[in-house]
Amino acid sequence: MEASNNCSTSRKRSRDEDDSVPESHQSLPLEDNLIFSDTMVALRMMRAQFPRNDKVTAEPFVLQSQLYSSVKDRTQVDRELEALRREKVLRVFKLNTGQDDHALMFMEDYLKQMKRAVKSMETKKQGVLAVFEWFEVHVIGSKPEPSIGHQELCSLLSIGGKVKDEDISLLINAGLLTRQLIDSEMYWFVIPNIGSVLKGLTQGRKELLSLLNRKKYKEMMLSILEKKRLRLSPLDIRFHLRDLLGSGHLKAIQTPSGLVIRAVKN
């Protein structure tokens, strides 16, 4: 019973605290809000700063690498993320953009994204499809891990009704699941309809690294760099800087003139 109370408290806390991010903080220079002492504070700030434009229609998500660049203690990040995941405050998703790439999405944002995908699929099929409700209630509601086996998936779905092979195909075609390459009996949970954003993530990483590698010392002042616009990514340069700093492809160096961002040799 106590765990249940903690769970509901954490979910309420995440919504309340997210709403409390001052709008002025969303436009602060990156140098003024690069490091945070708390994982939830970092998540809230980066969620509020998630790029919003015509080319990014997805609900906000945060990369795990971005958290690693923003909270100094990685052990603390991993511990707090695990607690938030088990409390169903957020979900963790394995991305296909890199071996260690993971996205973090608040549960309420994921459910919004999922409902849009479901509505699109039901429009194509011209009817309400029960399997999507079973998936939300019985699978998402009880399986916080990033992956699930075929038998467990069918077992959880069957709580709602009789499961057919085409039901699993519907979930895959809607972008909610994808089969794992190394084991066809295992699925990754997926954030639907973010393919173009992930393509931009990959291209933006390359463009930013190329920009720095062309400099004589492979570095730029952060105050200058963060004003640059990337041509190949709908995500802003702040998003990419946090990502590449956390993954170790860039490093931040404090100088008397301010922070310098340097490309790290492979």
Protein backbone atom coordinates (compact mmCIF):
# COMPACT_ATOMS: atom_id res chain seq x y z
CA MET A 1 0.00 0.00 0.00
CA GLU A 2 2.84 2.33 0.81
CA ALA A 3 4.41 1.71 -2.61
CA SER A 4 1.12 2.63 -4.26
CA ASN A 5 0.97 5.91 -2.37
CA ASN A 6 4.53 6.72 -3.38
CA CYS A 7 3.68 5.93 -7.01
CA SER A 8 0.69 8.23 -7.18
CA THR A 9 2.58 10.94 -5.31
CA SER A 10 5.47 10.73 -7.77
CA ARG A 11 3.18 10.95 -10.79
CA LYS A 12 1.40 13.96 -9.35
CA ARG A 13 4.72 15.51 -8.43
CA SER A 14 6.07 15.13 -11.96
CA ARG A 15 3.04 16.88 -13.49
CA ASP A 16 2.97 19.66 -10.92
CA GLU A 17 6.69 20.31 -11.08
CA ASP A 18 6.75 20.23 -14.88
CA ASP A 19 4.05 22.88 -15.02
CA SER A 20 6.10 25.02 -12.64
CA VAL A 21 9.11 25.49 -14.98
CA PRO A 22 9.25 29.28 -15.49
CA GLU A 23 9.03 30.25 -19.15
CA SER A 24 12.08 32.50 -18.71
CA HIS A 25 14.19 29.45 -17.82
CA GLN A 26 13.37 27.86 -21.17
CA SER A 27 15.45 30.47 -22.99
CA LEU A 28 18.39 30.73 -20.57
CA PRO A 29 21.84 30.42 -22.17
CA LEU A 30 22.99 26.80 -22.02
CA GLU A 31 26.02 27.82 -19.95
CA ASP A 32 23.64 28.98 -17.19
CA ASN A 33 21.71 25.70 -17.03
CA LEU A 34 24.10 23.00 -18.16
CA ILE A 35 24.48 21.14 -14.85
CA PHE A 36 21.70 20.14 -12.42
CA SER A 37 21.87 18.52 -9.00
CA ASP A 38 18.73 16.42 -9.42
CA THR A 39 17.55 14.08 -12.17
CA MET A 40 13.91 15.20 -12.04
CA VAL A 41 14.88 18.88 -12.23
CA ALA A 42 17.02 18.12 -15.30
CA LEU A 43 14.22 16.12 -16.92
CA ARG A 44 11.69 18.91 -16.34
CA MET A 45 13.97 21.58 -17.73
CA MET A 46 14.90 19.60 -20.84
CA ARG A 47 11.27 18.65 -21.41
CA ALA A 48 10.35 22.35 -21.28
CA GLN A 49 13.20 23.16 -23.70
CA PHE A 50 12.34 20.39 -26.18
CA PRO A 51 12.32 21.88 -29.72
CA ARG A 52 8.85 22.77 -30.98
CA ASN A 53 8.48 23.67 -34.63
CA ASP A 54 6.68 22.58 -37.80
CA LYS A 55 9.11 19.69 -38.31
CA VAL A 56 8.96 18.37 -34.73
CA THR A 57 5.41 17.27 -33.93
CA ALA A 58 6.39 14.59 -31.41
CA GLU A 59 5.75 14.94 -27.71
CA PRO A 60 8.90 15.90 -25.76
CA PHE A 61 11.50 13.25 -24.96
CA VAL A 62 14.93 13.39 -23.34
CA LEU A 63 17.95 11.30 -24.31
CA GLN A 64 19.69 9.40 -21.53
CA SER A 65 22.98 10.83 -22.79
CA GLN A 66 21.58 14.33 -22.20
CA LEU A 67 20.93 13.48 -18.57
CA TYR A 68 24.48 12.17 -18.22
CA SER A 69 25.79 15.53 -19.42
CA SER A 70 23.51 17.43 -17.04
CA VAL A 71 23.84 15.51 -13.75
CA LYS A 72 27.44 14.81 -12.71
CA ASP A 73 26.75 11.58 -10.80
CA ARG A 74 25.77 8.92 -13.37
CA THR A 75 25.08 6.38 -10.65
CA GLN A 76 22.57 8.82 -9.18
CA VAL A 77 20.96 9.26 -12.61
CA ASP A 78 20.63 5.51 -13.16
CA ARG A 79 19.21 4.99 -9.66
CA GLU A 80 16.68 7.80 -9.96
CA LEU A 81 15.65 6.80 -13.48
CA GLU A 82 15.01 3.25 -12.31
CA ALA A 83 12.76 4.56 -9.53
CA LEU A 84 10.86 6.85 -11.91
CA ARG A 85 10.44 4.00 -14.38
CA ARG A 86 9.07 1.61 -11.76
CA GLU A 87 6.75 4.31 -10.42
CA LYS A 88 5.45 4.71 -14.02
CA VAL A 89 6.34 8.40 -14.09
CA LEU A 90 8.27 7.83 -17.32
CA ARG A 91 9.19 5.13 -19.81
CA VAL A 92 12.58 4.25 -21.27
CA PHE A 93 12.85 3.38 -24.99
CA LYS A 94 15.74 1.81 -26.89
CA LEU A 95 16.43 3.85 -30.04
CA ASN A 96 17.77 2.57 -33.36
CA THR A 97 20.13 5.55 -33.74
CA GLY A 98 23.00 3.99 -31.77
CA GLN A 99 23.86 1.00 -29.62
CA ASP A 100 23.59 2.94 -26.36
CA ASP A 101 20.85 5.38 -27.35
CA HIS A 102 17.83 5.51 -25.05
CA ALA A 103 14.95 8.00 -24.95
CA LEU A 104 13.07 8.95 -21.80
CA MET A 105 9.47 10.10 -22.06
CA PHE A 106 7.07 11.11 -19.32
CA MET A 107 4.18 8.65 -19.24
CA GLU A 108 1.56 11.30 -19.94
CA ASP A 109 3.48 12.44 -23.04
CA TYR A 110 3.90 8.87 -24.26
CA LEU A 111 0.18 8.18 -23.89
CA LYS A 112 -0.60 11.31 -25.93
CA GLN A 113 1.81 10.19 -28.64
CA MET A 114 0.38 6.67 -28.57
CA LYS A 115 -3.23 7.88 -28.83
CA ARG A 116 -2.37 9.91 -31.96
CA ALA A 117 -0.87 6.82 -33.57
CA VAL A 118 -3.87 4.70 -32.59
CA LYS A 119 -6.31 7.28 -33.96
CA SER A 120 -4.44 7.30 -37.27
CA MET A 121 -4.51 3.50 -37.47
CA GLU A 122 -8.20 3.31 -36.57
CA THR A 123 -8.98 5.90 -39.24
CA LYS A 124 -7.24 3.70 -41.83
CA LYS A 125 -9.07 0.61 -40.61
CA GLN A 126 -12.37 2.54 -40.28
CA GLY A 127 -13.20 1.32 -36.81
CA VAL A 128 -12.23 1.15 -33.14
CA LEU A 129 -9.70 -1.63 -32.56
CA ALA A 130 -9.90 -3.27 -29.13
CA VAL A 131 -6.28 -4.43 -29.11
CA PHE A 132 -5.04 -0.86 -28.61
CA GLU A 133 -7.09 -0.45 -25.45
CA TRP A 134 -5.83 -3.84 -24.20
CA PHE A 135 -2.28 -2.70 -24.95
CA GLU A 136 -2.62 0.55 -23.00
CA VAL A 137 -4.43 -0.90 -20.00
CA HIS A 138 -2.90 -4.34 -19.59
CA VAL A 139 0.56 -4.08 -21.19
CA ILE A 140 1.74 -0.48 -20.72
CA GLY A 141 0.08 -0.38 -17.32
CA SER A 142 1.98 -3.39 -15.99
CA LYS A 143 5.22 -3.66 -18.01
CA PRO A 144 7.62 -0.75 -17.31
CA GLU A 145 10.65 -2.45 -18.93
CA PRO A 146 11.83 -1.36 -22.44
CA SER A 147 11.14 -4.81 -23.95
CA ILE A 148 8.69 -7.69 -23.74
CA GLY A 149 8.60 -11.31 -24.89
CA HIS A 150 5.97 -12.65 -27.29
CA GLN A 151 4.38 -15.02 -24.77
CA GLU A 152 4.15 -12.37 -22.06
CA LEU A 153 2.72 -9.86 -24.54
CA CYS A 154 0.00 -12.30 -25.63
CA SER A 155 -0.72 -13.25 -22.03
CA LEU A 156 -1.21 -9.62 -20.95
CA LEU A 157 -3.30 -8.76 -24.02
CA SER A 158 -5.52 -11.80 -23.42
CA ILE A 159 -6.73 -10.22 -20.18
CA GLY A 160 -8.73 -7.95 -22.48
CA GLY A 161 -9.92 -10.56 -24.95
CA LYS A 162 -8.94 -13.23 -27.46
CA VAL A 163 -5.63 -12.36 -29.11
CA LYS A 164 -5.00 -13.09 -32.80
CA ASP A 165 -1.80 -12.84 -34.85
CA GLU A 166 -3.22 -9.81 -36.68
CA ASP A 167 -3.53 -8.00 -33.34
CA ILE A 168 0.25 -8.15 -32.88
CA SER A 169 0.69 -6.98 -36.47
CA LEU A 170 -1.57 -3.99 -35.75
CA LEU A 171 0.59 -2.99 -32.78
CA ILE A 172 3.73 -3.24 -34.92
CA ASN A 173 2.20 -1.36 -37.87
CA ALA A 174 1.01 1.40 -35.52
CA GLY A 175 4.63 1.88 -34.41
CA LEU A 176 4.08 0.75 -30.83
CA LEU A 177 6.31 -2.32 -31.00
CA THR A 178 9.22 -3.53 -33.09
CA ARG A 179 10.80 -7.00 -33.21
CA GLN A 180 14.32 -7.32 -31.88
CA LEU A 181 16.85 -8.28 -34.53
CA ILE A 182 18.68 -10.81 -32.35
CA ASP A 183 15.50 -12.53 -31.13
CA SER A 184 12.25 -12.45 -33.12
CA GLU A 185 10.34 -13.58 -30.02
CA MET A 186 11.23 -10.33 -28.24
CA TYR A 187 9.88 -6.83 -28.91
CA TRP A 188 11.07 -3.34 -28.08
CA PHE A 189 8.46 -0.81 -27.01
CA VAL A 190 8.65 2.13 -29.42
CA ILE A 191 7.68 5.80 -29.45
CA PRO A 192 5.43 5.95 -32.54
CA ASN A 193 5.84 8.42 -35.40
CA ILE A 194 9.26 9.86 -34.51
CA GLY A 195 11.18 8.44 -37.49
CA SER A 196 11.88 11.86 -39.02
CA VAL A 197 13.04 13.22 -35.65
CA LEU A 198 15.45 10.30 -35.20
CA LYS A 199 16.80 10.84 -38.71
CA GLY A 200 17.41 14.47 -37.76
CA LEU A 201 19.12 13.34 -34.56
CA THR A 202 21.62 11.25 -36.53
CA GLN A 203 22.25 13.94 -39.14
CA GLY A 204 22.51 16.71 -36.56
CA ARG A 205 25.14 14.81 -34.62
CA LYS A 206 27.27 14.48 -37.75
CA GLU A 207 26.76 18.12 -38.74
CA LEU A 208 27.72 19.49 -35.31
CA LEU A 209 30.82 17.29 -35.04
CA SER A 210 31.83 18.25 -38.57
CA LEU A 211 31.44 21.94 -37.70
CA LEU A 212 33.81 21.61 -34.75
CA ASN A 213 36.28 19.32 -36.51
CA ARG A 214 36.75 21.95 -39.22
CA LYS A 215 37.98 24.45 -36.64
CA LYS A 216 41.76 24.70 -36.12
CA TYR A 217 41.59 23.50 -32.52
CA LYS A 218 38.29 21.61 -32.95
CA GLU A 219 36.60 23.92 -30.46
CA MET A 220 34.29 26.93 -30.13
CA MET A 221 33.01 29.12 -27.34
CA LEU A 222 29.68 27.73 -26.14
CA SER A 223 28.11 31.22 -26.21
CA ILE A 224 28.85 31.41 -29.95
CA LEU A 225 28.17 27.77 -30.80
CA GLU A 226 24.70 27.64 -29.27
CA LYS A 227 23.57 30.45 -31.59
CA LYS A 228 24.35 28.36 -34.67
CA ARG A 229 21.52 26.77 -36.64
CA LEU A 230 21.82 23.24 -38.01
CA ARG A 231 20.69 22.68 -41.59
CA LEU A 232 20.10 18.93 -41.40
CA SER A 233 18.24 18.55 -38.11
CA PRO A 234 14.85 19.84 -36.92
CA LEU A 235 16.22 19.61 -33.38
CA ASP A 236 18.03 22.67 -32.06
CA ILE A 237 21.75 22.81 -31.36
CA ARG A 238 21.17 22.84 -27.58
CA PHE A 239 19.53 19.40 -27.89
CA HIS A 240 22.53 18.05 -29.80
CA LEU A 241 25.11 19.66 -27.53
CA ARG A 242 23.68 17.99 -24.41
CA ASP A 243 23.54 14.66 -26.27
CA LEU A 244 27.13 14.74 -27.55
CA LEU A 245 28.51 15.99 -24.24
CA GLY A 246 26.83 13.12 -22.43
CA SER A 247 28.00 10.50 -24.93
CA GLY A 248 31.61 11.72 -24.66
CA HIS A 249 31.94 12.97 -28.25
CA LEU A 250 32.32 16.53 -26.95
CA LYS A 251 33.75 17.96 -23.76
CA ALA A 252 33.18 21.28 -22.01
CA ILE A 253 36.23 23.20 -20.80
CA GLN A 254 35.98 26.13 -18.40
CA THR A 255 38.13 29.11 -19.43
CA PRO A 256 38.35 32.69 -18.11
CA SER A 257 36.23 33.76 -21.09
CA GLY A 258 33.55 31.12 -20.51
CA LEU A 259 32.85 27.53 -21.49
CA VAL A 260 34.56 26.11 -24.56
CA ILE A 261 33.15 23.05 -26.39
CA ARG A 262 35.76 20.78 -27.94
CA ALA A 263 35.37 17.75 -30.17
CA VAL A 264 36.98 14.64 -28.70
CA LYS A 265 39.16 12.53 -30.96
CA ASN A 266 37.76 9.08 -31.71
